[in-house]
Every structure is written in structure tokens, then in C-alpha cells.
Amino acid sequence: MKNAIIKPIILPGFMELLPNEQRIFNDIVSKITTIYEENGCLPIDTPIIEKSEVLLAKTAGETEKQVYSFTKGSKNLSLRFDLTVPFARYTAQYLNDLTFPFKRYQIGKVYRGERNQKGRYREFYQCDVDIIGKDKLSIKNDALVISLASKAFKSFGLDNYKFQINNRKILSGLLEHLNIDNINEVMILIDKFDKIGKETFEEELQRIVDKEKAITICKIININGSTETALEELESFNIKDEKFILGIKELKEVINTLDFLGVKDNEYIINLKIIRGLDYYTGTVFETLLINNEEYGSICSGGRYDNLAENYTNNILPGVGISIGLTRLFFVLKEIGFIDNYKLQSRVDYLIIPIGDTLNYCFEVYNKLSSLEKKVEIYFEDDKLKKKLNYADKLSIPYVILLGEEEENNRMLNIKDMNSGLQETVKFESIN
């Protein structure tokens, strides 16, 4: 009895690409990693599975709810939900083998049990750059990682983005100044501002804190305009809280350093509603929106974490990192038509098509072109010429070399330009 056919389908929340899309994805990754390496970042990799006690040492709330955890024998294990926590463990583990400040980049899949919805995935690639110091790390590095992301985007032609920058010390200092007890609850609510809207946010806020304090919070988080204007307006509140003042000072230094690093002022904005949901950020935080496509959410985010490795070592290892969500970014780029116009170099320069019993000559031509570092493919299948040419056309191979008995006898190559349709005949010996 014949077995029933199982429908070939993947789980929701996972992405697969067709070959040409995968080539574009790989090309984008290649250009990003080139930027990172040219700016002194070193590659690392870490396991997808970590001990739960290691991976979840610093998480709580929504993050921990999304982690895929399981047991194997007596071991409690979890799939990594980002690349930053494993990096903190990695740094603590190999502390004596690393040179600080340690700049690393890493690309890998991470897993989060998020609610299935358009553009959000349960398995997705992240592309991270982190800089971690021993005992200290200049705030200028916060600007440096943003500038690296800026260069990365430009490397593959993306220019309609804007970094939303904040410093968590500003809001936590404000809430302490206002003598608010449930600071974490307010911070979580601010983080949801864009999802729930202004009206719902204000209603929820007034349930948590009194009306006068809620008005002050709303005034500050809704400050907008140029970075210079926003900073002046922040200072005009004249809040005498050390953490609040330090947050403004750090934010100023990040903005000033961005200018020195060549990041244009139209590439970023101060947004005091940016909190970042992950629990380990302590200062600068940032998210990145595509201009006129903000509804897709952040495609790149990160921030400063001064205490992330404290569960793994007594050494002080402050760090800052930025992560490009490659899978989500690629989804968005497809949605907005960016991928449709993406220019790829041809996978193959020449497709050699044997006509008749000329395979030995085809191999000779193949080896000659390969020695000249040309990308060459031979069509081995016994098909009609039209099908062979159609193969080249579908794969955007620019040139086809037709080799029949006449070409072999005369040591010639009949080369067809697939774009113009023109053909020319050249001598084998003239190939260079």
C-alpha cells in the first residue's frame, strides 16, 4: 500500500527563502561583515543551546516567557534568545585569552516563542556587534556601534532609516526624583507606548501614579524636535537628580561622537520613549525605524549594559552592542520592494553548452576560463537547445558558450550575449 503524501510545509514563525532571495540575503550579510571586519571587529560563534542557569541568569518578565526551555536527563537547557547574553558568558569564560576592549561580531540564529504575526519570527538571524571593556568602557563606544550599523546599512544601499536614541538613566532618574515606587512597572508601560497609543498610555499611567506626576512624565517622554532642541528642553526641567543629569550628559556625548564619526544628523533622533524590553540595559539604548515604514517596527536595536557579566565573574565587564535583526529586516525589505531592485553580481559568468559529442573540448574551455578566475558552469543534461538557453536566462547568466563540432575542429568559441542576443566567435588561444 502506497504511503500517504505528507504536505511539505514549515512551522509558522520560521522563514525559508528561494535560491535567488537567499543569494541576496547572503550578499547583504557579506557586505555587513566586511564593514565590521574593516573596523576592527573579530568574529566569534557560540552554541545555540546553553544551560538555562547561564542563559536566564539576568532575564525576567516577558523575555523569560519567550525562551524555549527543555530538559535532557538532569540538565535544564534553553535555546539562546539573543546573542548578547551568550557573549557575556563567552567573555567571562575566556577572559584571560581576550584583548580588551574586545570588539566582536556574530551572526547566528536565535529563538523566541513570540506570538505568531506578520514580520515577527520564532527563529531568526541576528547580526551583532558588541564592544566590551575590562573595568571601564568609554561612552564613545556607544556612538561607535551606531556608526557601524550606519555604515553596514549604506554598504548594501539602504538609506531610509533613522536611529531612535535614548538613555535609560534619564527616565529612571526622573522616576526616582518623583519618588515613584513602582519604577519598573512605569518603565514597562513606557516601552509599550507605541503599541498601545497615547490615549491608552495616559490612562494606564494615571492608574499607576498620581495625575501630577503622570503629566510630568508625559511632558518629558514626548519631547521631540532636533537633538539640540530636545536636550535643551530636557535640561529646562531643572531636575536635580544625579542619575537624570548623568543620563543627559551621556546622551550629549553620544550625539557629539556620532557627528565626529560621520553619522549625519538626519540619521538619528532623540526618542525618550525608547526603553528596550530586555532587562540588562543600563544607559544608552537605541532602536532603528525605516522612514515612512515605521509600522514594521525596529530593524536594529541595542544599548549599553554595565553589569551583564556579573553573574559569571567578579570582574567588571561593561559593554555596548547593536543588533540587526536580519530575518525581520529581509522580510521588511521584501515588503517595501527593496529586494526587487537589488543588484547582484551574476552567479556565473559563462554557461558552456555542448552541442553534439564535444564534452572533452567543453572541459578544456572550462579549465581555461577557470584558470582566469571566471565563474563557469557546464550544462550536462541532454536537452534541447531552447531549454538550455532558457536555463541561462532564468538564472541571469550573462554569456553562453556554444561548442559544437565546428567550434571544436577550428578551436573556436561561439559566445552568445544573453542580454543583447548578439553572438561572436573567438579563438581559443585568444582567451585571456
Protein backbone atom coordinates (compact mmCIF):
# COMPACT_ATOMS: atom_id res chain seq x y z
CA MET A 1 0.00 0.00 0.00
CA LYS A 2 1.36 3.40 -1.01
CA ASN A 3 2.16 5.74 1.87
CA ALA A 4 0.07 8.89 2.19
CA ILE A 5 1.83 12.03 0.94
CA ILE A 6 2.78 14.38 3.77
CA LYS A 7 2.25 18.02 2.91
CA PRO A 8 5.67 19.74 2.71
CA ILE A 9 5.28 22.79 4.95
CA ILE A 10 7.28 24.52 7.69
CA LEU A 11 6.06 25.68 11.09
CA PRO A 12 4.62 29.21 11.37
CA GLY A 13 7.13 31.77 12.60
CA PHE A 14 10.02 30.41 10.55
CA MET A 15 11.49 31.71 7.28
CA GLU A 16 12.77 29.92 4.21
CA LEU A 17 13.95 31.67 1.07
CA LEU A 18 14.08 30.68 -2.57
CA PRO A 19 17.62 30.46 -4.03
CA ASN A 20 17.76 33.94 -5.55
CA GLU A 21 16.42 35.53 -2.36
CA GLN A 22 18.96 33.53 -0.37
CA ARG A 23 21.73 34.87 -2.60
CA ILE A 24 20.57 38.43 -1.86
CA PHE A 25 20.36 37.63 1.87
CA ASN A 26 23.90 36.21 1.78
CA ASP A 27 25.17 39.21 -0.17
CA ILE A 28 23.75 41.61 2.42
CA VAL A 29 25.36 39.56 5.23
CA SER A 30 28.69 39.54 3.38
CA LYS A 31 28.67 43.33 2.97
CA ILE A 32 27.78 43.89 6.63
CA THR A 33 30.50 41.56 7.93
CA THR A 34 33.05 43.22 5.63
CA ILE A 35 32.23 46.58 7.26
CA TYR A 36 32.60 45.10 10.74
CA GLU A 37 35.94 43.44 9.98
CA GLU A 38 37.29 46.59 8.32
CA ASN A 39 36.52 48.43 11.57
CA GLY A 40 38.43 46.08 13.83
CA CYS A 41 35.70 43.66 14.91
CA LEU A 42 36.58 39.98 15.37
CA PRO A 43 34.25 37.04 14.58
CA ILE A 44 33.05 34.56 17.21
CA ASP A 45 30.35 31.89 17.45
CA THR A 46 28.53 30.40 20.44
CA PRO A 47 26.27 27.34 20.88
CA ILE A 48 22.56 27.61 20.11
CA ILE A 49 21.83 25.62 23.31
CA GLU A 50 23.03 26.92 26.68
CA LYS A 51 22.49 25.83 30.26
CA SER A 52 19.30 27.53 31.48
CA GLU A 53 21.04 28.78 34.62
CA VAL A 54 23.59 30.57 32.42
CA LEU A 55 21.23 31.94 29.81
CA LEU A 56 18.46 33.07 32.15
CA ALA A 57 20.61 34.49 34.95
CA LYS A 58 19.76 38.08 34.03
CA THR A 59 16.31 37.78 32.47
CA ALA A 60 12.81 38.13 33.84
CA GLY A 61 9.29 39.01 32.81
CA GLU A 62 8.33 38.92 29.12
CA THR A 63 11.77 37.81 27.95
CA GLU A 64 11.84 34.66 30.05
CA LYS A 65 8.32 33.75 28.93
CA GLN A 66 9.53 33.66 25.32
CA VAL A 67 12.52 31.38 25.90
CA TYR A 68 12.39 27.81 24.59
CA SER A 69 13.49 25.60 27.50
CA PHE A 70 13.61 21.82 27.91
CA THR A 71 15.27 19.10 29.96
CA LYS A 72 17.69 16.42 28.82
CA GLY A 73 18.26 13.94 31.61
CA SER A 74 19.04 16.02 34.69
CA LYS A 75 20.08 19.10 32.69
CA ASN A 76 17.88 22.16 32.21
CA LEU A 77 18.64 23.64 28.79
CA SER A 78 17.45 26.64 26.77
CA LEU A 79 17.75 27.88 23.21
CA ARG A 80 19.51 31.25 23.07
CA PHE A 81 17.05 34.15 22.70
CA ASP A 82 19.71 36.64 21.66
CA LEU A 83 23.48 36.71 21.05
CA THR A 84 24.35 39.19 23.80
CA VAL A 85 23.89 37.02 26.89
CA PRO A 86 25.94 34.14 25.40
CA PHE A 87 28.57 36.75 24.52
CA ALA A 88 28.74 37.87 28.15
CA ARG A 89 29.22 34.24 29.21
CA TYR A 90 31.85 33.78 26.46
CA THR A 91 33.79 36.85 27.60
CA ALA A 92 33.79 35.76 31.24
CA GLN A 93 34.83 32.22 30.28
CA TYR A 94 37.73 33.26 28.04
CA LEU A 95 38.66 36.40 29.94
CA ASN A 96 42.39 35.71 30.02
CA ASP A 97 42.57 34.90 26.30
CA LEU A 98 40.94 38.12 25.02
CA THR A 99 42.34 41.58 24.35
CA PHE A 100 40.30 44.46 25.74
CA PRO A 101 38.42 46.45 24.69
CA PHE A 102 37.14 43.38 22.86
CA LYS A 103 35.18 44.12 19.68
CA ARG A 104 33.27 41.18 18.31
CA TYR A 105 30.66 40.49 15.67
CA GLN A 106 28.50 37.41 15.41
CA ILE A 107 25.77 36.20 13.08
CA GLY A 108 23.51 33.38 14.19
CA LYS A 109 20.00 32.11 14.69
CA VAL A 110 18.14 32.85 17.92
CA TYR A 111 14.78 31.63 19.19
CA ARG A 112 11.85 33.33 20.86
CA GLY A 113 8.38 31.92 21.42
CA GLU A 114 6.68 35.11 20.27
CA ARG A 115 3.05 35.29 19.20
CA ASN A 116 2.93 34.44 15.52
CA GLN A 117 2.33 37.58 13.47
CA LYS A 118 3.44 39.14 10.21
CA GLY A 119 7.12 40.07 10.19
CA ARG A 120 7.88 38.53 13.60
CA TYR A 121 9.61 35.17 13.70
CA ARG A 122 10.30 32.48 16.28
CA GLU A 123 13.58 31.54 14.62
CA PHE A 124 15.55 34.42 13.19
CA TYR A 125 19.05 35.59 12.37
CA GLN A 126 20.68 38.33 14.39
CA CYS A 127 23.80 40.16 13.34
CA ASP A 128 25.51 41.67 16.40
CA VAL A 129 28.42 43.95 17.10
CA ASP A 130 29.48 44.36 20.73
CA ILE A 131 32.36 46.14 22.41
CA ILE A 132 33.18 45.01 25.92
CA GLY A 133 35.75 46.52 28.27
CA LYS A 134 37.55 45.37 31.38
CA ASP A 135 36.78 47.60 34.39
CA LYS A 136 35.75 50.52 32.15
CA LEU A 137 34.43 51.34 28.68
CA SER A 138 34.23 54.83 27.18
CA ILE A 139 30.74 56.13 26.37
CA LYS A 140 32.13 56.97 22.92
CA ASN A 141 31.78 53.26 22.08
CA ASP A 142 28.00 53.68 22.31
CA ALA A 143 28.24 56.03 19.34
CA LEU A 144 30.76 53.77 17.59
CA VAL A 145 28.41 50.77 17.40
CA ILE A 146 25.65 53.01 15.99
CA SER A 147 28.09 54.31 13.37
CA LEU A 148 28.99 50.73 12.40
CA ALA A 149 25.32 49.93 11.84
CA SER A 150 25.03 53.10 9.76
CA LYS A 151 27.96 52.00 7.58
CA ALA A 152 26.50 48.49 7.35
CA PHE A 153 23.15 49.76 6.05
CA LYS A 154 24.82 52.01 3.49
CA SER A 155 27.02 49.13 2.28
CA PHE A 156 24.03 47.43 0.67
CA GLY A 157 22.19 50.58 -0.39
CA LEU A 158 19.77 51.17 2.49
CA ASP A 159 19.47 54.85 3.41
CA ASN A 160 15.90 55.49 4.62
CA TYR A 161 16.45 54.66 8.29
CA LYS A 162 16.58 56.67 11.50
CA PHE A 163 18.18 55.67 14.81
CA GLN A 164 15.97 56.45 17.83
CA ILE A 165 18.35 57.14 20.73
CA ASN A 166 17.71 57.45 24.46
CA ASN A 167 19.44 56.87 27.79
CA ARG A 168 17.62 54.82 30.43
CA LYS A 169 19.24 56.85 33.22
CA ILE A 170 17.13 59.86 32.20
CA LEU A 171 13.83 58.13 32.82
CA SER A 172 14.90 56.07 35.84
CA GLY A 173 16.41 59.26 37.35
CA LEU A 174 13.17 61.14 36.64
CA LEU A 175 11.06 58.44 38.29
CA GLU A 176 13.32 58.37 41.34
CA HIS A 177 13.12 62.17 41.53
CA LEU A 178 9.32 61.90 41.51
CA ASN A 179 9.50 59.34 44.36
CA ILE A 180 7.68 56.68 42.32
CA ASP A 181 7.84 53.28 43.99
CA ASN A 182 6.92 51.01 41.08
CA ILE A 183 9.58 52.30 38.68
CA ASN A 184 9.82 49.02 36.74
CA GLU A 185 6.08 48.97 36.07
CA VAL A 186 6.21 52.52 34.68
CA MET A 187 9.24 51.71 32.52
CA ILE A 188 7.48 48.66 31.05
CA LEU A 189 4.45 50.83 30.26
CA ILE A 190 6.60 53.47 28.54
CA ASP A 191 8.18 50.70 26.47
CA LYS A 192 4.68 49.81 25.20
CA PHE A 193 3.77 53.41 24.29
CA ASP A 194 3.85 52.95 20.51
CA LYS A 195 1.91 49.69 20.69
CA ILE A 196 -0.95 50.93 22.86
CA GLY A 197 -1.15 54.58 21.72
CA LYS A 198 -1.04 57.91 23.55
CA GLU A 199 -4.57 57.84 24.97
CA THR A 200 -4.37 54.32 26.44
CA PHE A 201 -0.88 55.04 27.75
CA GLU A 202 -2.01 58.12 29.66
CA GLU A 203 -4.99 56.27 31.13
CA GLU A 204 -2.78 53.38 32.28
CA LEU A 205 -0.13 55.74 33.66
CA GLN A 206 -2.65 57.59 35.82
CA ARG A 207 -3.68 54.27 37.33
CA ILE A 208 -0.08 53.65 38.39
CA VAL A 209 0.98 57.17 39.54
CA ASP A 210 -0.90 60.31 40.57
CA LYS A 211 -2.07 62.79 37.94
CA GLU A 212 0.54 65.49 38.56
CA LYS A 213 3.43 63.04 38.27
CA ALA A 214 1.84 61.48 35.19
CA ILE A 215 1.71 64.91 33.50
CA THR A 216 5.43 65.48 34.18
CA ILE A 217 6.34 62.04 32.81
CA CYS A 218 4.25 62.62 29.67
CA LYS A 219 5.81 66.04 29.06
CA ILE A 220 9.32 64.61 29.20
CA ILE A 221 8.83 61.45 27.16
CA ASN A 222 7.04 63.43 24.43
CA ILE A 223 9.91 65.88 23.92
CA ASN A 224 10.78 65.94 20.22
CA GLY A 225 12.45 68.14 17.63
CA SER A 226 16.13 68.39 16.75
CA THR A 227 18.62 66.73 19.10
CA GLU A 228 19.89 70.11 20.26
CA THR A 229 16.38 71.38 21.00
CA ALA A 230 15.42 68.14 22.76
CA LEU A 231 18.47 68.28 25.04
CA GLU A 232 17.83 71.95 25.90
CA GLU A 233 14.20 71.18 26.71
CA LEU A 234 15.25 68.26 28.94
CA GLU A 235 17.63 70.48 30.89
CA SER A 236 14.96 73.18 31.24
CA PHE A 237 13.04 70.93 33.65
CA ASN A 238 15.91 71.59 36.09
CA ILE A 239 15.61 68.18 37.75
CA LYS A 240 18.28 67.81 40.43
CA ASP A 241 18.78 64.05 40.28
CA GLU A 242 22.30 62.72 39.74
CA LYS A 243 21.18 59.82 37.54
CA PHE A 244 18.96 62.09 35.42
CA ILE A 245 21.79 64.60 34.95
CA LEU A 246 24.29 61.83 34.10
CA GLY A 247 21.87 60.39 31.53
CA ILE A 248 21.65 63.76 29.76
CA LYS A 249 25.45 64.13 29.87
CA GLU A 250 25.97 60.66 28.36
CA LEU A 251 23.35 61.28 25.69
CA LYS A 252 25.10 64.53 24.73
CA GLU A 253 28.44 62.77 24.42
CA VAL A 254 26.94 60.03 22.24
CA ILE A 255 25.37 62.62 19.92
CA ASN A 256 28.60 64.63 19.69
CA THR A 257 30.64 61.50 18.95
CA LEU A 258 28.19 60.43 16.23
CA ASP A 259 28.93 63.71 14.45
CA PHE A 260 32.69 63.09 14.66
CA LEU A 261 32.19 59.54 13.32
CA GLY A 262 30.42 60.85 10.23
CA VAL A 263 26.86 59.87 11.14
CA LYS A 264 24.67 62.64 9.70
CA ASP A 265 22.13 64.39 11.92
CA ASN A 266 19.31 63.22 9.62
CA GLU A 267 20.17 59.61 10.52
CA TYR A 268 19.17 59.85 14.19
CA ILE A 269 16.76 61.46 16.62
CA ILE A 270 16.33 61.54 20.40
CA ASN A 271 13.30 59.50 21.42
CA LEU A 272 12.77 59.38 25.20
CA LYS A 273 10.14 56.64 24.89
CA ILE A 274 12.78 54.09 23.84
CA ILE A 275 13.39 51.78 26.82
CA ARG A 276 14.22 48.36 25.28
CA GLY A 277 12.34 45.49 26.87
CA LEU A 278 15.39 43.40 27.77
CA ASP A 279 16.27 43.79 31.41
CA TYR A 280 20.04 44.17 31.18
CA TYR A 281 20.37 47.66 29.61
CA THR A 282 21.71 50.35 31.94
CA GLY A 283 22.31 53.50 29.87
CA THR A 284 22.23 54.30 26.15
CA VAL A 285 19.51 52.45 24.25
CA PHE A 286 18.52 52.69 20.60
CA GLU A 287 16.11 51.32 18.04
CA THR A 288 16.02 51.87 14.29
CA LEU A 289 12.96 52.57 12.15
CA LEU A 290 12.64 52.75 8.39
CA ILE A 291 11.38 56.20 7.38
CA ASN A 292 7.80 56.04 6.02
CA ASN A 293 7.66 52.37 7.05
CA GLU A 294 7.66 52.78 10.81
CA GLU A 295 4.75 50.35 11.19
CA TYR A 296 7.17 47.43 10.72
CA GLY A 297 8.92 48.28 13.99
CA SER A 298 12.62 48.28 14.79
CA ILE A 299 15.05 46.55 12.42
CA CYS A 300 18.13 47.24 14.53
CA SER A 301 18.47 47.85 18.26
CA GLY A 302 20.76 47.64 21.25
CA GLY A 303 22.34 49.56 24.06
CA ARG A 304 24.74 49.79 26.99
CA TYR A 305 24.95 47.05 29.61
CA ASP A 306 27.32 47.67 32.50
CA ASN A 307 26.54 44.61 34.62
CA LEU A 308 25.59 41.81 32.21
CA ALA A 309 28.51 39.50 33.07
CA GLU A 310 28.22 39.93 36.85
CA ASN A 311 26.57 36.51 37.21
CA TYR A 312 29.56 34.79 35.58
CA THR A 313 32.55 36.67 37.00
CA ASN A 314 33.61 39.12 39.73
CA ASN A 315 35.39 41.17 37.06
CA ILE A 316 33.66 44.36 35.88
CA LEU A 317 32.92 43.95 32.16
CA PRO A 318 30.87 46.88 30.84
CA GLY A 319 29.73 46.63 27.25
CA VAL A 320 27.61 48.09 24.48
CA GLY A 321 26.14 46.36 21.46
CA ILE A 322 23.87 46.75 18.48
CA SER A 323 21.96 44.01 16.73
CA ILE A 324 20.49 43.96 13.23
CA GLY A 325 17.53 41.61 13.06
CA LEU A 326 18.45 40.15 9.68
CA THR A 327 15.38 37.94 9.20
CA ARG A 328 12.92 40.67 10.05
CA LEU A 329 14.92 43.23 8.05
CA PHE A 330 14.84 40.98 5.00
CA PHE A 331 11.08 40.49 5.38
CA VAL A 332 10.58 44.26 5.52
CA LEU A 333 12.89 44.88 2.55
CA LYS A 334 10.79 42.40 0.54
CA GLU A 335 7.56 44.08 1.63
CA ILE A 336 8.69 47.58 0.59
CA GLY A 337 10.11 46.44 -2.77
CA PHE A 338 13.79 46.99 -1.92
CA ILE A 339 14.71 43.39 -2.79
CA ASP A 340 13.03 43.64 -6.22
CA ASN A 341 15.60 46.23 -7.28
CA TYR A 342 18.61 44.67 -5.54
CA LYS A 343 21.63 44.40 -7.83
CA LEU A 344 23.50 41.12 -7.55
CA GLN A 345 26.65 40.10 -9.36
CA SER A 346 25.99 37.18 -11.67
CA ARG A 347 26.35 33.79 -10.02
CA VAL A 348 28.09 32.50 -13.16
CA ASP A 349 29.88 34.41 -15.94
CA TYR A 350 29.61 31.72 -18.60
CA LEU A 351 27.41 28.70 -19.23
CA ILE A 352 29.11 26.23 -21.56
CA ILE A 353 26.62 24.29 -23.70
CA PRO A 354 27.89 21.19 -25.52
CA ILE A 355 26.26 20.61 -28.91
CA GLY A 356 26.91 17.06 -30.01
CA ASP A 357 29.82 14.96 -28.75
CA THR A 358 32.09 17.85 -27.70
CA LEU A 359 32.35 17.33 -23.94
CA ASN A 360 36.14 16.94 -23.94
CA TYR A 361 36.52 20.32 -25.65
CA CYS A 362 33.98 21.80 -23.20
CA PHE A 363 36.17 20.65 -20.29
CA GLU A 364 39.22 22.22 -21.94
CA VAL A 365 37.41 25.56 -22.30
CA TYR A 366 36.04 25.22 -18.76
CA ASN A 367 39.51 24.72 -17.26
CA LYS A 368 40.98 27.60 -19.28
CA LEU A 369 38.28 30.05 -18.13
CA SER A 370 38.51 28.80 -14.53
CA SER A 371 42.27 29.41 -14.55
CA LEU A 372 41.45 33.01 -15.49
CA GLU A 373 39.20 33.20 -12.38
CA LYS A 374 35.99 33.28 -14.41
CA LYS A 375 32.86 31.69 -12.94
CA VAL A 376 31.89 28.87 -15.30
CA GLU A 377 29.26 26.15 -15.46
CA ILE A 378 28.74 23.31 -17.95
CA TYR A 379 25.24 22.17 -18.91
CA PHE A 380 25.48 18.36 -18.84
CA GLU A 381 21.85 17.38 -19.43
CA ASP A 382 20.76 16.08 -22.85
CA ASP A 383 18.07 18.69 -23.55
CA LYS A 384 17.01 20.78 -26.49
CA LEU A 385 18.99 23.97 -27.10
CA LYS A 386 15.98 26.14 -26.27
CA LYS A 387 15.72 24.61 -22.80
CA LYS A 388 19.44 25.11 -22.22
CA LEU A 389 19.24 28.77 -23.19
CA ASN A 390 16.15 29.18 -21.03
CA TYR A 391 18.14 27.80 -18.09
CA ALA A 392 20.77 30.51 -18.57
CA ASP A 393 18.11 33.18 -18.96
CA LYS A 394 16.25 32.22 -15.77
CA LEU A 395 19.47 32.25 -13.75
CA SER A 396 20.59 35.58 -15.29
CA ILE A 397 23.81 34.09 -16.67
CA PRO A 398 25.12 36.83 -18.99
CA TYR A 399 27.01 34.70 -21.53
CA VAL A 400 26.51 31.29 -23.09
CA ILE A 401 29.32 29.48 -24.93
CA LEU A 402 28.01 27.16 -27.65
CA LEU A 403 30.51 24.43 -28.52
CA GLY A 404 29.68 22.15 -31.46
CA GLU A 405 31.87 20.05 -33.73
CA GLU A 406 32.73 23.05 -35.91
CA GLU A 407 33.92 25.07 -32.90
CA GLU A 408 35.97 22.10 -31.64
CA ASN A 409 37.58 21.40 -35.04
CA ASN A 410 38.53 25.06 -35.51
CA ARG A 411 39.48 25.67 -31.84
CA MET A 412 36.85 28.42 -31.61
CA LEU A 413 34.24 29.60 -29.08
CA ASN A 414 30.79 30.76 -30.14
CA ILE A 415 29.77 33.25 -27.40
CA LYS A 416 26.19 34.47 -27.09
CA ASP A 417 25.35 37.62 -25.10
CA MET A 418 22.09 36.73 -23.34
CA ASN A 419 21.14 40.39 -22.84
CA SER A 420 21.59 41.66 -26.41
CA GLY A 421 21.21 38.37 -28.24
CA LEU A 422 24.39 39.05 -30.23
CA GLN A 423 26.90 36.29 -30.93
CA GLU A 424 30.61 36.42 -31.67
CA THR A 425 33.21 33.79 -32.46
CA VAL A 426 36.67 33.97 -30.86
CA LYS A 427 39.77 31.78 -30.99
CA PHE A 428 40.51 29.54 -28.00
CA GLU A 429 44.09 30.81 -27.89
CA SER A 430 42.90 34.42 -27.63
CA ILE A 431 41.09 33.86 -24.33
CA ASN A 432 42.67 35.93 -21.58
